[in-house]
Amino acid sequence: MQIWIYFVPGAGGDGFANLLEHADNVETLDSDQDPKQWRVHRFVDDQPKFYSNPVDNIRCFRNNRPFLTTENQLRPNYVRLIENGIPTVCTSHDVTKKYLHSSDSRDILEHDQISVFLYHDNYRLCVHQAALKNLMTKIPVYHSITQKIDHDQFDFVLNIVDLQSDWNIVDKFCNTIGLKLDPERFDEYSKLQTGNDEWLRSSYSTFYPKRYRSNTVNDDTFYTEI
């Protein structure tokens, strides 16, 4: 079983995917390299920027490109997980599935796939958050989503705000698809959402997330490391 989280940048999909990775019966895409961990890249204005590992070498589904074997390869560990039916979690910005449907290797990419469209009620906020968390000096002008997202092509359509605020909703979803997630992991996820990682600091090894404050003057945004 592979659980794919589809979301627009800034909607919180990487964090939710990271939460699901902590289920007892899930093996991560990088399990051949690292143990399970909270994947926080940095904090900006006390908001965590999570990150996810890709299924391929060039992150095609995060960059609006199809998977083509002439220019790309699937990660061997991803293929191993799928071929052996081991639950794992994947992420994609291909919210229309346009690029998935024009890809090679769909027999692997769609094998036993549970697809989840993760949405946010405020897409203007998503654009703003994505820019801040990526330390962009120019905040993009918000444009309403023009692509039509067909909810019927997903197995689940979930609201990230509800998921972040209510363990019972997360627990119900996990039970439905057969994931064994300890509520303590949700408590840790909730702490990270508030910028609290003091409880985690002792487990950082070679990488520790930096923290930034943003300040916008006219049309330019500046970041100060704190």
C-alpha atoms as a PDB file:
ATOM      1  CA  MET A   1       0.000   0.000   0.000  1.00  0.00           C
ATOM      2  CA  GLN A   2       1.312   3.416  -0.959  1.00  0.00           C
ATOM      3  CA  ILE A   3      -0.449   6.479   0.437  1.00  0.00           C
ATOM      4  CA  TRP A   4      -0.056   9.480  -1.856  1.00  0.00           C
ATOM      5  CA  ILE A   5      -0.749  12.944  -0.462  1.00  0.00           C
ATOM      6  CA  TYR A   6      -1.654  15.424  -3.229  1.00  0.00           C
ATOM      7  CA  PHE A   7      -1.574  19.118  -2.289  1.00  0.00           C
ATOM      8  CA  VAL A   8      -0.692  22.586  -3.538  1.00  0.00           C
ATOM      9  CA  PRO A   9       2.498  24.167  -2.107  1.00  0.00           C
ATOM     10  CA  GLY A  10       1.938  25.698   1.299  1.00  0.00           C
ATOM     11  CA  ALA A  11      -1.079  23.557   2.196  1.00  0.00           C
ATOM     12  CA  GLY A  12       0.756  21.481   4.810  1.00  0.00           C
ATOM     13  CA  GLY A  13       1.084  18.233   2.905  1.00  0.00           C
ATOM     14  CA  ASP A  14       4.691  17.489   3.821  1.00  0.00           C
ATOM     15  CA  GLY A  15       3.943  17.796   7.517  1.00  0.00           C
ATOM     16  CA  PHE A  16       0.893  15.543   7.316  1.00  0.00           C
ATOM     17  CA  ALA A  17       2.862  13.005   5.271  1.00  0.00           C
ATOM     18  CA  ASN A  18       5.599  13.091   7.906  1.00  0.00           C
ATOM     19  CA  LEU A  19       3.002  12.425  10.598  1.00  0.00           C
ATOM     20  CA  LEU A  20       1.723   9.358   8.724  1.00  0.00           C
ATOM     21  CA  GLU A  21       5.297   8.120   8.295  1.00  0.00           C
ATOM     22  CA  HIS A  22       5.386   7.650  12.067  1.00  0.00           C
ATOM     23  CA  ALA A  23       2.722   4.949  11.936  1.00  0.00           C
ATOM     24  CA  ASP A  24       4.136   1.701  13.324  1.00  0.00           C
ATOM     25  CA  ASN A  25       3.434  -0.266  10.149  1.00  0.00           C
ATOM     26  CA  VAL A  26       4.797   2.326   7.691  1.00  0.00           C
ATOM     27  CA  GLU A  27       8.288   2.169   6.234  1.00  0.00           C
ATOM     28  CA  THR A  28       9.669   5.453   4.891  1.00  0.00           C
ATOM     29  CA  LEU A  29      10.942   6.028   1.374  1.00  0.00           C
ATOM     30  CA  ASP A  30      14.451   6.494   2.779  1.00  0.00           C
ATOM     31  CA  SER A  31      14.363   3.570   5.205  1.00  0.00           C
ATOM     32  CA  ASP A  32      17.473   2.204   3.518  1.00  0.00           C
ATOM     33  CA  GLN A  33      19.400   5.301   4.656  1.00  0.00           C
ATOM     34  CA  ASP A  34      17.875   6.878   7.761  1.00  0.00           C
ATOM     35  CA  PRO A  35      15.619   5.969  10.693  1.00  0.00           C
ATOM     36  CA  LYS A  36      12.201   7.554  11.052  1.00  0.00           C
ATOM     37  CA  GLN A  37      12.464  11.191  12.006  1.00  0.00           C
ATOM     38  CA  TRP A  38      10.595  14.474  12.090  1.00  0.00           C
ATOM     39  CA  ARG A  39      11.559  16.145   8.818  1.00  0.00           C
ATOM     40  CA  VAL A  40      11.707  19.822   9.749  1.00  0.00           C
ATOM     41  CA  HIS A  41      13.926  21.804   7.406  1.00  0.00           C
ATOM     42  CA  ARG A  42      13.579  25.166   9.162  1.00  0.00           C
ATOM     43  CA  PHE A  43      11.202  27.334  11.180  1.00  0.00           C
ATOM     44  CA  VAL A  44      10.020  30.681   9.802  1.00  0.00           C
ATOM     45  CA  ASP A  45       7.995  32.871  12.163  1.00  0.00           C
ATOM     46  CA  ASP A  46       7.691  29.780  14.368  1.00  0.00           C
ATOM     47  CA  GLN A  47       6.059  27.817  11.548  1.00  0.00           C
ATOM     48  CA  PRO A  48       7.793  24.564  10.539  1.00  0.00           C
ATOM     49  CA  LYS A  49       8.823  23.878   6.968  1.00  0.00           C
ATOM     50  CA  PHE A  50       8.631  20.122   6.587  1.00  0.00           C
ATOM     51  CA  TYR A  51      10.147  18.250   3.667  1.00  0.00           C
ATOM     52  CA  SER A  52       9.528  14.890   1.994  1.00  0.00           C
ATOM     53  CA  ASN A  53      11.624  12.423   0.087  1.00  0.00           C
ATOM     54  CA  PRO A  54      10.689  11.736  -3.550  1.00  0.00           C
ATOM     55  CA  VAL A  55       9.953   8.434  -5.254  1.00  0.00           C
ATOM     56  CA  ASP A  56      12.321   9.342  -8.096  1.00  0.00           C
ATOM     57  CA  ASN A  57      15.656  11.017  -8.771  1.00  0.00           C
ATOM     58  CA  ILE A  58      14.452  14.436  -9.978  1.00  0.00           C
ATOM     59  CA  ARG A  59      11.310  15.010  -7.894  1.00  0.00           C
ATOM     60  CA  CYS A  60       9.135  15.091 -10.992  1.00  0.00           C
ATOM     61  CA  PHE A  61       5.762  15.130  -9.220  1.00  0.00           C
ATOM     62  CA  ARG A  62       6.863  18.073  -7.083  1.00  0.00           C
ATOM     63  CA  ASN A  63       7.943  20.000 -10.176  1.00  0.00           C
ATOM     64  CA  ASN A  64       5.035  19.456 -12.589  1.00  0.00           C
ATOM     65  CA  ARG A  65       6.729  16.885 -14.775  1.00  0.00           C
ATOM     66  CA  PRO A  66       5.734  13.348 -15.729  1.00  0.00           C
ATOM     67  CA  PHE A  67       7.921  10.404 -14.816  1.00  0.00           C
ATOM     68  CA  LEU A  68       9.752   9.287 -17.952  1.00  0.00           C
ATOM     69  CA  THR A  69      12.288   6.477 -17.901  1.00  0.00           C
ATOM     70  CA  THR A  70      14.333   8.207 -20.611  1.00  0.00           C
ATOM     71  CA  GLU A  71      15.302  10.957 -18.156  1.00  0.00           C
ATOM     72  CA  ASN A  72      14.539   9.666 -14.696  1.00  0.00           C
ATOM     73  CA  GLN A  73      14.639   6.636 -12.406  1.00  0.00           C
ATOM     74  CA  LEU A  74      12.543   5.455  -9.512  1.00  0.00           C
ATOM     75  CA  ARG A  75      14.386   5.135  -6.215  1.00  0.00           C
ATOM     76  CA  PRO A  76      15.310   1.456  -5.672  1.00  0.00           C
ATOM     77  CA  ASN A  77      13.996   1.493  -2.107  1.00  0.00           C
ATOM     78  CA  TYR A  78      10.633   2.832  -3.295  1.00  0.00           C
ATOM     79  CA  VAL A  79      10.385   0.014  -5.826  1.00  0.00           C
ATOM     80  CA  ARG A  80      11.285  -2.532  -3.130  1.00  0.00           C
ATOM     81  CA  LEU A  81       8.553  -1.226  -0.828  1.00  0.00           C
ATOM     82  CA  ILE A  82       5.906  -1.369  -3.553  1.00  0.00           C
ATOM     83  CA  GLU A  83       6.902  -4.796  -4.841  1.00  0.00           C
ATOM     84  CA  ASN A  84       6.761  -6.200  -1.310  1.00  0.00           C
ATOM     85  CA  GLY A  85       3.490  -4.521  -0.325  1.00  0.00           C
ATOM     86  CA  ILE A  86       5.058  -2.527   2.504  1.00  0.00           C
ATOM     87  CA  PRO A  87       3.049   0.609   3.449  1.00  0.00           C
ATOM     88  CA  THR A  88       4.817   3.867   2.610  1.00  0.00           C
ATOM     89  CA  VAL A  89       3.899   7.542   2.146  1.00  0.00           C
ATOM     90  CA  CYS A  90       4.532   9.674  -0.960  1.00  0.00           C
ATOM     91  CA  THR A  91       3.829  13.331  -1.797  1.00  0.00           C
ATOM     92  CA  SER A  92       2.843  15.132  -4.992  1.00  0.00           C
ATOM     93  CA  HIS A  93       1.900  18.616  -6.213  1.00  0.00           C
ATOM     94  CA  ASP A  94       0.265  17.051  -9.280  1.00  0.00           C
ATOM     95  CA  VAL A  95      -3.225  17.774  -7.948  1.00  0.00           C
ATOM     96  CA  THR A  96      -4.945  17.135 -11.284  1.00  0.00           C
ATOM     97  CA  LYS A  97      -2.968  13.898 -11.818  1.00  0.00           C
ATOM     98  CA  LYS A  98      -2.114  15.199 -15.278  1.00  0.00           C
ATOM     99  CA  TYR A  99       1.542  14.307 -14.967  1.00  0.00           C
ATOM    100  CA  LEU A 100       0.922  10.959 -13.294  1.00  0.00           C
ATOM    101  CA  HIS A 101      -1.367   9.943 -16.126  1.00  0.00           C
ATOM    102  CA  SER A 102       1.284  10.834 -18.730  1.00  0.00           C
ATOM    103  CA  SER A 103       4.044   8.958 -16.910  1.00  0.00           C
ATOM    104  CA  ASP A 104       5.887   5.731 -17.565  1.00  0.00           C
ATOM    105  CA  SER A 105       5.918   2.967 -14.942  1.00  0.00           C
ATOM    106  CA  ARG A 106       2.313   3.585 -13.927  1.00  0.00           C
ATOM    107  CA  ASP A 107       2.095  -0.092 -13.007  1.00  0.00           C
ATOM    108  CA  ILE A 108       4.398   0.698 -10.073  1.00  0.00           C
ATOM    109  CA  LEU A 109       3.343   4.285  -9.366  1.00  0.00           C
ATOM    110  CA  GLU A 110      -0.350   3.403  -9.117  1.00  0.00           C
ATOM    111  CA  HIS A 111      -0.047  -0.086  -7.674  1.00  0.00           C
ATOM    112  CA  ASP A 112      -2.233  -0.338  -4.557  1.00  0.00           C
ATOM    113  CA  GLN A 113      -2.202   3.473  -4.344  1.00  0.00           C
ATOM    114  CA  ILE A 114      -4.444   5.262  -1.867  1.00  0.00           C
ATOM    115  CA  SER A 115      -4.767   8.834  -3.124  1.00  0.00           C
ATOM    116  CA  VAL A 116      -5.534  11.701  -0.746  1.00  0.00           C
ATOM    117  CA  PHE A 117      -6.281  15.250  -1.860  1.00  0.00           C
ATOM    118  CA  LEU A 118      -5.319  17.520   1.008  1.00  0.00           C
ATOM    119  CA  TYR A 119      -6.839  20.981   0.782  1.00  0.00           C
ATOM    120  CA  HIS A 120      -6.771  24.220   2.741  1.00  0.00           C
ATOM    121  CA  ASP A 121      -9.722  26.604   2.987  1.00  0.00           C
ATOM    122  CA  ASN A 122      -7.462  29.616   2.353  1.00  0.00           C
ATOM    123  CA  TYR A 123      -5.298  29.218  -0.741  1.00  0.00           C
ATOM    124  CA  ARG A 124      -4.130  32.806  -0.452  1.00  0.00           C
ATOM    125  CA  LEU A 125      -2.529  31.803   2.849  1.00  0.00           C
ATOM    126  CA  CYS A 126      -0.977  28.745   1.188  1.00  0.00           C
ATOM    127  CA  VAL A 127       0.785  30.936  -1.376  1.00  0.00           C
ATOM    128  CA  HIS A 128       2.045  33.247   1.353  1.00  0.00           C
ATOM    129  CA  GLN A 129       3.229  30.420   3.597  1.00  0.00           C
ATOM    130  CA  ALA A 130       4.996  28.605   0.761  1.00  0.00           C
ATOM    131  CA  ALA A 131       6.917  31.768  -0.104  1.00  0.00           C
ATOM    132  CA  LEU A 132       7.906  32.494   3.490  1.00  0.00           C
ATOM    133  CA  LYS A 133       9.000  28.967   4.296  1.00  0.00           C
ATOM    134  CA  ASN A 134      11.174  28.929   1.180  1.00  0.00           C
ATOM    135  CA  LEU A 135      12.714  32.285   2.193  1.00  0.00           C
ATOM    136  CA  MET A 136      11.520  34.045  -0.949  1.00  0.00           C
ATOM    137  CA  THR A 137      12.161  37.791  -1.018  1.00  0.00           C
ATOM    138  CA  LYS A 138       9.245  38.423  -3.368  1.00  0.00           C
ATOM    139  CA  ILE A 139       5.884  37.095  -2.230  1.00  0.00           C
ATOM    140  CA  PRO A 140       3.988  35.938  -5.336  1.00  0.00           C
ATOM    141  CA  VAL A 141       0.742  37.652  -6.220  1.00  0.00           C
ATOM    142  CA  TYR A 142      -2.134  35.361  -5.353  1.00  0.00           C
ATOM    143  CA  HIS A 143      -4.141  33.993  -8.239  1.00  0.00           C
ATOM    144  CA  SER A 144      -7.107  31.717  -7.748  1.00  0.00           C
ATOM    145  CA  ILE A 145      -6.538  28.132  -8.780  1.00  0.00           C
ATOM    146  CA  THR A 146      -7.490  27.891 -12.441  1.00  0.00           C
ATOM    147  CA  GLN A 147      -6.958  24.162 -12.848  1.00  0.00           C
ATOM    148  CA  LYS A 148     -10.039  22.114 -12.153  1.00  0.00           C
ATOM    149  CA  ILE A 149      -9.404  19.542  -9.473  1.00  0.00           C
ATOM    150  CA  ASP A 150     -11.608  16.490  -9.863  1.00  0.00           C
ATOM    151  CA  HIS A 151     -12.255  15.284  -6.332  1.00  0.00           C
ATOM    152  CA  ASP A 152     -13.773  12.069  -7.649  1.00  0.00           C
ATOM    153  CA  GLN A 153     -10.368  10.778  -8.725  1.00  0.00           C
ATOM    154  CA  PHE A 154      -9.164  10.690  -5.111  1.00  0.00           C
ATOM    155  CA  ASP A 155      -9.957   8.078  -2.499  1.00  0.00           C
ATOM    156  CA  PHE A 156     -10.072  10.736   0.220  1.00  0.00           C
ATOM    157  CA  VAL A 157     -10.499  14.515   0.282  1.00  0.00           C
ATOM    158  CA  LEU A 158      -9.296  15.929   3.606  1.00  0.00           C
ATOM    159  CA  ASN A 159      -9.101  19.386   5.161  1.00  0.00           C
ATOM    160  CA  ILE A 160      -5.661  20.066   6.647  1.00  0.00           C
ATOM    161  CA  VAL A 161      -7.022  22.514   9.241  1.00  0.00           C
ATOM    162  CA  ASP A 162      -9.317  19.805  10.627  1.00  0.00           C
ATOM    163  CA  LEU A 163      -6.499  17.263  10.646  1.00  0.00           C
ATOM    164  CA  GLN A 164      -4.115  19.581  12.452  1.00  0.00           C
ATOM    165  CA  SER A 165      -6.634  20.392  15.167  1.00  0.00           C
ATOM    166  CA  ASP A 166      -8.367  17.100  15.909  1.00  0.00           C
ATOM    167  CA  TRP A 167      -6.678  13.793  16.705  1.00  0.00           C
ATOM    168  CA  ASN A 168      -9.999  11.964  16.335  1.00  0.00           C
ATOM    169  CA  ILE A 169     -10.185  12.909  12.643  1.00  0.00           C
ATOM    170  CA  VAL A 170      -6.622  11.717  12.065  1.00  0.00           C
ATOM    171  CA  ASP A 171      -7.276   8.525  14.018  1.00  0.00           C
ATOM    172  CA  LYS A 172     -10.425   7.756  12.014  1.00  0.00           C
ATOM    173  CA  PHE A 173      -8.556   8.218   8.734  1.00  0.00           C
ATOM    174  CA  CYS A 174      -5.680   6.004   9.878  1.00  0.00           C
ATOM    175  CA  ASN A 175      -8.043   3.290  11.057  1.00  0.00           C
ATOM    176  CA  THR A 176      -9.879   3.390   7.736  1.00  0.00           C
ATOM    177  CA  ILE A 177      -6.731   2.708   5.703  1.00  0.00           C
ATOM    178  CA  GLY A 178      -5.094   0.434   8.256  1.00  0.00           C
ATOM    179  CA  LEU A 179      -2.326   2.614   9.704  1.00  0.00           C
ATOM    180  CA  LYS A 180      -1.273   2.163  13.328  1.00  0.00           C
ATOM    181  CA  LEU A 181      -0.452   5.656  14.563  1.00  0.00           C
ATOM    182  CA  ASP A 182       0.221   6.364  18.223  1.00  0.00           C
ATOM    183  CA  PRO A 183      -1.571   9.502  19.520  1.00  0.00           C
ATOM    184  CA  GLU A 184       1.754  10.591  21.043  1.00  0.00           C
ATOM    185  CA  ARG A 185       3.059  11.161  17.514  1.00  0.00           C
ATOM    186  CA  PHE A 186       0.116  13.491  16.877  1.00  0.00           C
ATOM    187  CA  ASP A 187       0.967  15.381  20.065  1.00  0.00           C
ATOM    188  CA  GLU A 188       4.540  15.814  18.800  1.00  0.00           C
ATOM    189  CA  TYR A 189       3.256  16.961  15.406  1.00  0.00           C
ATOM    190  CA  SER A 190       1.031  19.501  17.155  1.00  0.00           C
ATOM    191  CA  LYS A 191       3.966  20.852  19.151  1.00  0.00           C
ATOM    192  CA  LEU A 192       5.997  21.322  15.984  1.00  0.00           C
ATOM    193  CA  GLN A 193       3.111  23.235  14.416  1.00  0.00           C
ATOM    194  CA  THR A 194       3.436  25.795  17.203  1.00  0.00           C
ATOM    195  CA  GLY A 195       7.201  26.078  16.754  1.00  0.00           C
ATOM    196  CA  ASN A 196       8.032  23.993  19.818  1.00  0.00           C
ATOM    197  CA  ASP A 197      10.875  21.578  19.170  1.00  0.00           C
ATOM    198  CA  GLU A 198      12.662  21.783  22.517  1.00  0.00           C
ATOM    199  CA  TRP A 199      11.563  18.217  23.342  1.00  0.00           C
ATOM    200  CA  LEU A 200      13.217  17.025  20.119  1.00  0.00           C
ATOM    201  CA  ARG A 201      16.549  18.802  20.338  1.00  0.00           C
ATOM    202  CA  SER A 202      18.391  16.006  22.089  1.00  0.00           C
ATOM    203  CA  SER A 203      17.721  13.658  19.163  1.00  0.00           C
ATOM    204  CA  TYR A 204      19.122  15.901  16.435  1.00  0.00           C
ATOM    205  CA  SER A 205      22.428  14.558  15.167  1.00  0.00           C
ATOM    206  CA  THR A 206      24.229  16.438  12.399  1.00  0.00           C
ATOM    207  CA  PHE A 207      21.378  18.713  11.371  1.00  0.00           C
ATOM    208  CA  TYR A 208      19.448  21.174  13.472  1.00  0.00           C
ATOM    209  CA  PRO A 209      16.704  23.359  11.952  1.00  0.00           C
ATOM    210  CA  LYS A 210      17.492  27.054  11.766  1.00  0.00           C
ATOM    211  CA  ARG A 211      14.952  29.678  12.794  1.00  0.00           C
ATOM    212  CA  TYR A 212      14.067  32.871  10.969  1.00  0.00           C
ATOM    213  CA  ARG A 213      11.911  35.936  11.424  1.00  0.00           C
ATOM    214  CA  SER A 214      10.423  37.627   8.385  1.00  0.00           C
ATOM    215  CA  ASN A 215       9.973  41.334   7.842  1.00  0.00           C
ATOM    216  CA  THR A 216       8.230  42.781   4.810  1.00  0.00           C
ATOM    217  CA  VAL A 217       9.014  46.315   3.675  1.00  0.00           C
ATOM    218  CA  ASN A 218       7.020  47.516   0.675  1.00  0.00           C
ATOM    219  CA  ASP A 219       7.291  44.605  -1.769  1.00  0.00           C
ATOM    220  CA  ASP A 220      10.411  42.965  -0.327  1.00  0.00           C
ATOM    221  CA  THR A 221      10.602  40.385   2.434  1.00  0.00           C
ATOM    222  CA  PHE A 222      13.738  39.974   4.505  1.00  0.00           C
ATOM    223  CA  TYR A 223      14.700  37.137   6.837  1.00  0.00           C
ATOM    224  CA  THR A 224      16.767  37.297  10.001  1.00  0.00           C
ATOM    225  CA  GLU A 225      18.217  34.165  11.524  1.00  0.00           C
ATOM    226  CA  ILE A 226      17.494  33.965  15.259  1.00  0.00           C
END
